[in-house]
Amino acid sequence: MNITLAAGGTGGHMVPAHALAAELKARGHGVMLITDDRGAKIPGLFEDVPTHILPAGRLGGGPIGMLKAVRSVLQGRRRAKALYRDFTPDAVVGFGGYPAFPALLAASSMKIPTILHEQNAVLGRVNRWVAGDAAAIATAYAEVDRLKATYRGKVELVGNPVRESVARLGTMPFPEFDDTAPLKILVTGGSQGATVLGKVVPDALGKLPPKLRHRLQVVQQCRADDIETVRARYAALNIPAELLTYIEDMPERLGETHLVIARAGASTIAELTAAGRPAILVPLPTATDDHQTANAREMAKAGGARMIMQDEFTPETLSAQIAVIAGDAQALSNAAERALSVGRPHATSDLADLVERVAGGASPLLVGRVETAQPSLAMGAPA
């Protein structure tokens, strides 16, 4: 079969789409990607998949901005329809983000079945707009806000696809850690980095008790504008740290990490729980519908993560939390197990199964392993 994937241009949308593409290709299907300029430039993704960049305006910016956005969406829809006449997809899978919108509109107008994948614990804006026409909605969390109860019959809980190299970490032992071993910490703000992590984390690590501080080995992702300032701060504190603007070999880095300090993006949490890595999560306060706070709640409730809101994210608070988690080897190991307990390492294959059922014309939720996401208290809210 031929499957078109449509994804917005951030890592949160692109990484699960990439994982699904690899699985579908391994099963012998043809795959095409529709995205925007940002998505096409993310390193290491979709290198062997035909990629098409379509216009997709971001709706907003007053009447003039809305007019331009609608014009761009309609142009993208026309181009997507032309692509579909050549590629003839059996299904179109949308991963959210504005670049997915025209591709999904084109599919619905041509009676091509669509599947939506929602990475976050809040149904995203584009997915809300097109959910009514979707044949199936695949979710990453058991509770999803802003998902209407009337859609329950076409919802399937699959999880958030991660790369096979990440999922494999969950079957391997947690990195050895005792009273003398190095404490390896990974700091990441998602595909775009996070300035606040660069401001707070070095000073927090500098406040740790000497028995932990002297054993630190840090890998930290920084924004390009921040990296030299952060490097100087670590040097002043005499803490060994490797700084990068983008962590391309994330599976390898994650595999040797004891503790992660990160934003609460959907792909980040999916990888942490699939690999079984404890974390301190700092949700992005400006995330649409506060979806990062919602993303973090399952992992935090299980005991695999601690959540610190950004207005409380200070060196003192962070240092205290690190000391609690990593100050005892057994506590760190227990947190790792609890993180793993909420992971869904089979998300990629489960999503691929769902796509095959829809593309093959079967009732999407009647065949195969089914686990249905439940509406949260906020599901009845108007979309």
Protein backbone atom coordinates (compact mmCIF):
# COMPACT_ATOMS: atom_id res chain seq x y z
CA MET A 1 0.00 0.00 0.00
CA ASN A 2 0.95 3.65 -0.32
CA ILE A 3 0.81 5.76 2.83
CA THR A 4 1.25 9.53 3.05
CA LEU A 5 2.48 11.00 6.33
CA ALA A 6 1.77 14.66 7.10
CA ALA A 7 3.63 16.27 9.99
CA GLY A 8 4.38 19.73 11.36
CA GLY A 9 7.95 20.95 11.39
CA THR A 10 9.01 20.30 15.01
CA GLY A 11 10.71 17.25 16.42
CA GLY A 12 7.60 16.43 18.45
CA HIS A 13 5.65 15.80 15.24
CA MET A 14 8.49 14.59 13.03
CA VAL A 15 10.15 11.95 15.23
CA PRO A 16 7.05 9.72 15.63
CA ALA A 17 6.27 10.16 11.93
CA HIS A 18 9.83 9.06 11.12
CA ALA A 19 9.48 5.98 13.33
CA LEU A 20 6.23 5.01 11.61
CA ALA A 21 7.78 5.56 8.17
CA ALA A 22 10.59 3.13 8.98
CA GLU A 23 8.11 0.50 10.19
CA LEU A 24 5.83 0.86 7.16
CA LYS A 25 8.78 0.64 4.75
CA ALA A 26 9.99 -2.50 6.55
CA ARG A 27 6.55 -3.99 5.91
CA GLY A 28 6.88 -3.28 2.20
CA HIS A 29 4.67 -0.21 1.88
CA GLY A 30 5.40 2.96 -0.05
CA VAL A 31 5.75 6.09 2.10
CA MET A 32 5.66 9.80 1.23
CA LEU A 33 6.10 12.74 3.61
CA ILE A 34 4.42 16.14 3.52
CA THR A 35 5.90 18.78 5.84
CA ASP A 36 7.30 22.32 5.89
CA ASP A 37 10.77 23.82 5.57
CA ARG A 38 11.58 23.27 9.24
CA GLY A 39 10.62 19.61 9.21
CA ALA A 40 12.62 18.90 6.08
CA LYS A 41 15.76 20.32 7.71
CA ILE A 42 15.77 18.22 10.92
CA PRO A 43 18.93 16.08 10.74
CA GLY A 44 18.72 12.31 10.52
CA LEU A 45 15.03 12.02 9.65
CA PHE A 46 13.32 10.82 6.45
CA GLU A 47 16.57 10.65 4.50
CA ASP A 48 15.24 7.83 2.30
CA VAL A 49 11.60 8.99 2.02
CA PRO A 50 10.25 11.24 -0.78
CA THR A 51 9.51 14.56 0.91
CA HIS A 52 7.26 17.38 -0.30
CA ILE A 53 7.14 20.84 1.24
CA LEU A 54 3.73 22.47 0.98
CA PRO A 55 2.53 25.91 2.05
CA ALA A 56 0.50 25.91 5.26
CA GLY A 57 -0.35 29.20 6.90
CA ARG A 58 -0.59 29.57 10.66
CA LEU A 59 -4.09 30.81 11.38
CA GLY A 60 -3.89 34.03 13.39
CA GLY A 61 -2.44 37.52 13.21
CA GLY A 62 -5.67 39.44 12.75
CA PRO A 63 -7.87 39.65 9.63
CA ILE A 64 -4.97 40.15 7.21
CA GLY A 65 -2.98 37.32 8.76
CA MET A 66 -6.01 35.03 8.67
CA LEU A 67 -6.66 35.85 5.01
CA LYS A 68 -3.05 35.05 4.09
CA ALA A 69 -3.18 31.83 6.10
CA VAL A 70 -6.40 30.64 4.47
CA ARG A 71 -4.98 31.40 1.03
CA SER A 72 -1.84 29.41 1.90
CA VAL A 73 -3.87 26.47 3.22
CA LEU A 74 -5.99 26.36 0.07
CA GLN A 75 -2.86 26.48 -2.09
CA GLY A 76 -1.38 23.62 -0.06
CA ARG A 77 -4.60 21.65 -0.41
CA ARG A 78 -4.52 21.98 -4.21
CA ARG A 79 -0.89 20.85 -4.35
CA ALA A 80 -1.58 17.93 -2.04
CA LYS A 81 -4.42 16.76 -4.27
CA ALA A 82 -2.06 16.86 -7.24
CA LEU A 83 0.47 14.77 -5.31
CA TYR A 84 -2.21 12.24 -4.39
CA ARG A 85 -3.16 11.76 -8.04
CA ASP A 86 0.40 10.62 -8.73
CA PHE A 87 1.14 8.75 -5.48
CA THR A 88 -2.42 7.42 -4.93
CA PRO A 89 -2.26 6.94 -1.14
CA ASP A 90 -4.42 4.28 0.50
CA ALA A 91 -4.42 6.41 3.66
CA VAL A 92 -3.05 9.70 4.96
CA VAL A 93 -1.70 9.86 8.51
CA GLY A 94 -1.60 13.27 10.19
CA PHE A 95 0.72 13.95 13.11
CA GLY A 96 -0.50 17.44 13.92
CA GLY A 97 0.97 20.84 13.25
CA TYR A 98 -0.16 23.36 10.66
CA PRO A 99 1.73 21.71 7.75
CA ALA A 100 -0.48 18.63 8.18
CA PHE A 101 -3.70 20.61 7.76
CA PRO A 102 -3.85 21.04 3.94
CA ALA A 103 -2.72 17.44 3.41
CA LEU A 104 -5.57 16.15 5.56
CA LEU A 105 -8.12 18.47 3.96
CA ALA A 106 -7.06 17.23 0.52
CA ALA A 107 -7.41 13.60 1.60
CA SER A 108 -10.91 14.12 2.99
CA SER A 109 -12.03 15.90 -0.19
CA MET A 110 -10.77 12.94 -2.25
CA LYS A 111 -12.38 10.33 0.07
CA ILE A 112 -8.97 9.01 1.13
CA PRO A 113 -9.21 7.66 4.70
CA THR A 114 -7.28 9.61 7.32
CA ILE A 115 -5.75 8.58 10.63
CA LEU A 116 -4.72 11.15 13.22
CA HIS A 117 -1.93 10.57 15.71
CA GLU A 118 -1.94 12.81 18.77
CA GLN A 119 1.39 12.86 20.58
CA ASN A 120 0.25 15.07 23.48
CA ALA A 121 -2.18 14.64 26.36
CA VAL A 122 -4.25 17.48 24.86
CA LEU A 123 -5.70 17.08 21.36
CA GLY A 124 -3.90 19.62 19.19
CA ARG A 125 -5.62 22.38 17.27
CA VAL A 126 -5.23 20.91 13.78
CA ASN A 127 -6.29 17.45 14.96
CA ARG A 128 -9.38 19.00 16.58
CA TRP A 129 -10.31 20.65 13.30
CA VAL A 130 -10.15 17.44 11.27
CA ALA A 131 -11.13 14.83 13.88
CA GLY A 132 -14.69 14.61 12.60
CA ASP A 133 -13.57 13.27 9.20
CA ALA A 134 -10.90 10.91 10.55
CA ALA A 135 -11.37 7.16 10.29
CA ALA A 136 -9.33 6.65 13.46
CA ILE A 137 -7.61 8.72 16.15
CA ALA A 138 -4.49 7.19 17.70
CA THR A 139 -3.51 8.62 21.08
CA ALA A 140 -0.35 8.49 23.18
CA TYR A 141 -2.03 8.84 26.58
CA ALA A 142 -4.92 7.12 28.32
CA GLU A 143 -6.39 10.52 29.22
CA VAL A 144 -6.60 13.15 26.49
CA ASP A 145 -8.00 16.64 27.06
CA ARG A 146 -10.00 18.46 24.36
CA LEU A 147 -11.04 15.17 22.75
CA LYS A 148 -14.80 15.03 22.35
CA ALA A 149 -16.58 12.07 23.91
CA THR A 150 -18.45 11.59 20.62
CA TYR A 151 -15.17 10.47 19.01
CA ARG A 152 -14.59 7.68 21.55
CA GLY A 153 -15.63 4.98 19.10
CA LYS A 154 -12.73 5.73 16.76
CA VAL A 155 -10.03 6.30 19.37
CA GLU A 156 -7.24 3.78 19.95
CA LEU A 157 -4.47 4.12 22.52
CA VAL A 158 -1.18 3.15 20.86
CA GLY A 159 1.43 5.35 22.53
CA ASN A 160 3.96 7.61 20.90
CA PRO A 161 6.28 5.94 18.36
CA VAL A 162 9.98 6.04 19.20
CA ARG A 163 12.99 4.82 17.28
CA GLU A 164 13.75 1.12 17.65
CA SER A 165 17.16 2.00 19.06
CA VAL A 166 15.41 3.85 21.92
CA ALA A 167 12.78 1.16 22.56
CA ARG A 168 15.57 -1.40 22.83
CA LEU A 169 17.01 0.44 25.84
CA GLY A 170 14.00 -0.61 27.91
CA THR A 171 15.02 -4.26 27.59
CA MET A 172 18.56 -3.58 28.82
CA PRO A 173 19.80 -3.09 32.40
CA PHE A 174 19.80 0.39 33.86
CA PRO A 175 23.34 1.86 33.77
CA GLU A 176 25.33 0.76 36.81
CA PHE A 177 25.23 3.30 39.60
CA ASP A 178 26.51 3.17 43.18
CA ASP A 179 28.20 5.42 45.74
CA THR A 180 31.34 5.81 43.65
CA ALA A 181 30.16 5.61 40.01
CA PRO A 182 29.88 8.77 37.87
CA LEU A 183 26.44 10.38 37.89
CA LYS A 184 25.58 10.94 34.22
CA ILE A 185 23.00 13.65 33.59
CA LEU A 186 21.43 14.51 30.24
CA VAL A 187 19.80 17.94 29.81
CA THR A 188 17.58 18.60 26.80
CA GLY A 189 15.00 21.21 25.89
CA GLY A 190 13.57 19.42 22.87
CA SER A 191 14.48 20.05 19.25
CA GLN A 192 14.61 23.82 19.81
CA GLY A 193 16.51 23.81 23.11
CA ALA A 194 15.52 25.86 26.17
CA THR A 195 17.33 28.93 27.48
CA VAL A 196 15.97 28.48 31.01
CA LEU A 197 17.75 25.13 31.36
CA GLY A 198 21.06 26.78 30.49
CA LYS A 199 20.44 29.46 33.13
CA VAL A 200 19.37 27.17 35.98
CA VAL A 201 20.96 23.72 35.58
CA PRO A 202 24.68 24.62 35.92
CA ASP A 203 24.12 26.57 39.14
CA ALA A 204 21.86 23.81 40.49
CA LEU A 205 24.55 21.21 39.87
CA GLY A 206 27.05 23.50 41.56
CA LYS A 207 24.92 23.41 44.73
CA LEU A 208 24.86 19.62 45.01
CA PRO A 209 26.54 17.94 47.99
CA PRO A 210 30.24 17.27 47.25
CA LYS A 211 29.72 13.49 47.11
CA LEU A 212 27.43 13.98 44.08
CA ARG A 213 28.97 17.09 42.55
CA HIS A 214 32.43 15.55 42.21
CA ARG A 215 30.99 12.60 40.26
CA LEU A 216 29.02 14.57 37.68
CA GLN A 217 29.26 13.98 33.94
CA VAL A 218 26.89 16.26 32.03
CA VAL A 219 25.66 16.32 28.44
CA GLN A 220 23.51 19.38 27.74
CA GLN A 221 21.68 20.65 24.70
CA CYS A 222 21.77 24.45 24.40
CA ARG A 223 20.47 27.05 22.03
CA ALA A 224 23.20 28.31 19.72
CA ASP A 225 22.93 31.79 21.26
CA ASP A 226 23.38 30.42 24.78
CA ILE A 227 26.06 27.76 24.39
CA GLU A 228 29.17 29.84 25.11
CA THR A 229 27.61 31.43 28.20
CA VAL A 230 26.64 28.01 29.53
CA ARG A 231 30.08 26.62 28.72
CA ALA A 232 31.74 29.41 30.71
CA ARG A 233 29.47 28.78 33.69
CA TYR A 234 30.30 25.07 33.79
CA ALA A 235 34.01 25.89 33.51
CA ALA A 236 33.76 28.32 36.43
CA LEU A 237 32.08 25.61 38.52
CA ASN A 238 34.66 23.01 37.44
CA ILE A 239 31.92 20.62 36.29
CA PRO A 240 32.72 18.52 33.18
CA ALA A 241 30.03 19.15 30.57
CA GLU A 242 29.66 18.39 26.88
CA LEU A 243 27.45 20.98 25.20
CA LEU A 244 25.66 20.57 21.87
CA THR A 245 23.02 22.51 19.96
CA TYR A 246 21.37 19.31 18.70
CA ILE A 247 21.79 15.78 20.05
CA GLU A 248 21.74 13.67 16.92
CA ASP A 249 22.83 10.44 18.65
CA MET A 250 20.09 10.62 21.30
CA PRO A 251 19.63 6.82 21.67
CA GLU A 252 23.31 6.37 22.52
CA ARG A 253 23.31 9.32 24.94
CA LEU A 254 20.11 8.17 26.61
CA GLY A 255 21.47 4.66 26.98
CA GLU A 256 24.31 5.76 29.26
CA THR A 257 22.30 8.36 31.23
CA HIS A 258 21.15 8.01 34.85
CA LEU A 259 18.95 11.12 35.09
CA VAL A 260 17.38 13.43 32.51
CA ILE A 261 16.41 17.08 33.03
CA ALA A 262 14.09 18.12 30.23
CA ARG A 263 11.05 19.86 28.88
CA ALA A 264 7.90 17.73 28.82
CA GLY A 265 7.48 17.41 25.07
CA ALA A 266 5.62 14.33 23.88
CA SER A 267 8.58 12.71 22.11
CA THR A 268 10.86 13.35 25.08
CA ILE A 269 8.49 11.62 27.49
CA ALA A 270 7.86 8.77 25.05
CA GLU A 271 11.60 8.11 24.83
CA LEU A 272 12.11 8.40 28.60
CA THR A 273 9.36 5.91 29.37
CA ALA A 274 10.30 3.50 26.59
CA ALA A 275 13.93 3.51 27.75
CA GLY A 276 13.13 3.61 31.47
CA ARG A 277 15.01 6.77 32.44
CA PRO A 278 13.98 8.87 35.45
CA ALA A 279 13.57 12.58 34.86
CA ILE A 280 12.97 16.02 36.24
CA LEU A 281 10.49 17.68 33.89
CA VAL A 282 10.01 21.42 33.37
CA PRO A 283 6.88 21.95 31.21
CA LEU A 284 7.03 24.81 28.72
CA PRO A 285 4.61 27.37 30.18
CA THR A 286 3.68 28.83 26.78
CA ALA A 287 2.81 25.47 25.19
CA THR A 288 -0.60 25.53 23.49
CA ASP A 289 -3.35 24.48 25.93
CA ASP A 290 -0.59 23.86 28.52
CA HIS A 291 -0.15 20.44 26.92
CA GLN A 292 3.33 19.83 28.37
CA THR A 293 1.97 19.89 31.92
CA ALA A 294 -0.66 17.38 30.84
CA ASN A 295 2.03 15.27 29.16
CA ALA A 296 4.06 15.06 32.37
CA ARG A 297 1.26 14.03 34.69
CA GLU A 298 1.24 10.28 33.89
CA MET A 299 5.00 9.81 34.34
CA ALA A 300 5.04 11.95 37.48
CA LYS A 301 2.06 10.11 38.98
CA ALA A 302 3.83 6.79 38.40
CA GLY A 303 6.92 8.03 40.26
CA GLY A 304 9.19 8.02 37.24
CA ALA A 305 9.55 11.79 37.14
CA ARG A 306 9.33 14.91 39.25
CA MET A 307 7.70 17.97 37.75
CA ILE A 308 8.87 21.53 38.48
CA MET A 309 6.83 24.38 37.04
CA GLN A 310 9.00 27.03 35.38
CA ASP A 311 8.10 29.79 37.83
CA GLU A 312 9.44 27.55 40.61
CA PHE A 313 12.44 26.32 38.62
CA THR A 314 15.37 27.76 40.57
CA PRO A 315 18.88 26.39 41.21
CA GLU A 316 17.91 25.70 44.82
CA THR A 317 14.74 23.79 43.94
CA LEU A 318 16.37 21.79 41.18
CA SER A 319 19.42 20.93 43.28
CA ALA A 320 17.20 19.61 46.08
CA GLN A 321 15.24 17.43 43.66
CA ILE A 322 18.38 16.00 42.07
CA ALA A 323 19.75 15.16 45.52
CA VAL A 324 16.54 13.31 46.42
CA ILE A 325 16.46 11.25 43.22
CA ALA A 326 20.16 10.57 42.73
CA GLY A 327 21.39 10.69 46.32
CA ASP A 328 20.44 7.04 46.78
CA ALA A 329 21.23 4.38 44.17
CA GLN A 330 18.13 2.34 44.99
CA ALA A 331 15.87 5.39 44.72
CA LEU A 332 17.28 6.13 41.26
CA SER A 333 16.77 2.53 40.16
CA ASN A 334 13.19 2.53 41.50
CA ALA A 335 12.41 5.74 39.58
CA ALA A 336 13.78 4.14 36.42
CA GLU A 337 11.47 1.14 36.85
CA ARG A 338 8.49 3.41 37.42
CA ALA A 339 9.30 5.38 34.29
CA LEU A 340 9.46 2.15 32.32
CA SER A 341 6.12 1.02 33.76
CA VAL A 342 4.22 3.69 31.80
CA GLY A 343 6.19 3.25 28.57
CA ARG A 344 4.58 1.91 25.43
CA PRO A 345 7.50 0.43 23.51
CA HIS A 346 5.25 -1.21 20.91
CA ALA A 347 3.68 2.09 19.84
CA THR A 348 5.29 2.07 16.39
CA SER A 349 4.09 -1.41 15.44
CA ASP A 350 0.65 -0.82 17.00
CA LEU A 351 0.22 2.40 15.02
CA ALA A 352 1.39 0.66 11.84
CA ASP A 353 -1.19 -2.09 12.46
CA LEU A 354 -3.91 0.54 12.76
CA VAL A 355 -2.78 2.27 9.57
CA GLU A 356 -2.83 -1.03 7.67
CA ARG A 357 -6.34 -1.80 8.88
CA VAL A 358 -7.67 1.59 7.82
CA ALA A 359 -5.79 1.62 4.50
CA GLY A 360 -6.95 -1.92 3.78
CA GLY A 361 -10.58 -1.00 4.30
CA ALA A 362 -11.11 -2.90 7.57
CA SER A 363 -12.99 -1.38 10.47
CA PRO A 364 -10.01 0.19 12.23
CA LEU A 365 -10.94 -0.72 15.82
CA LEU A 366 -12.29 -4.23 15.35
CA VAL A 367 -9.11 -6.06 14.41
CA GLY A 368 -5.94 -6.50 16.44
CA ARG A 369 -4.93 -5.34 19.92
CA VAL A 370 -7.23 -2.55 21.03
CA GLU A 371 -6.83 -0.25 24.01
CA THR A 372 -9.07 2.79 24.06
CA ALA A 373 -8.13 6.16 25.47
CA GLN A 374 -10.60 7.63 27.92
CA PRO A 375 -12.03 11.14 27.78
CA SER A 376 -10.73 13.33 30.56
CA LEU A 377 -12.99 15.73 32.45
CA ALA A 378 -12.02 18.38 29.90
CA MET A 379 -13.09 16.34 26.89
CA GLY A 380 -16.53 17.83 26.75
CA ALA A 381 -15.11 21.29 26.19
CA PRO A 382 -15.89 22.80 22.81
CA ALA A 383 -13.14 22.32 20.24
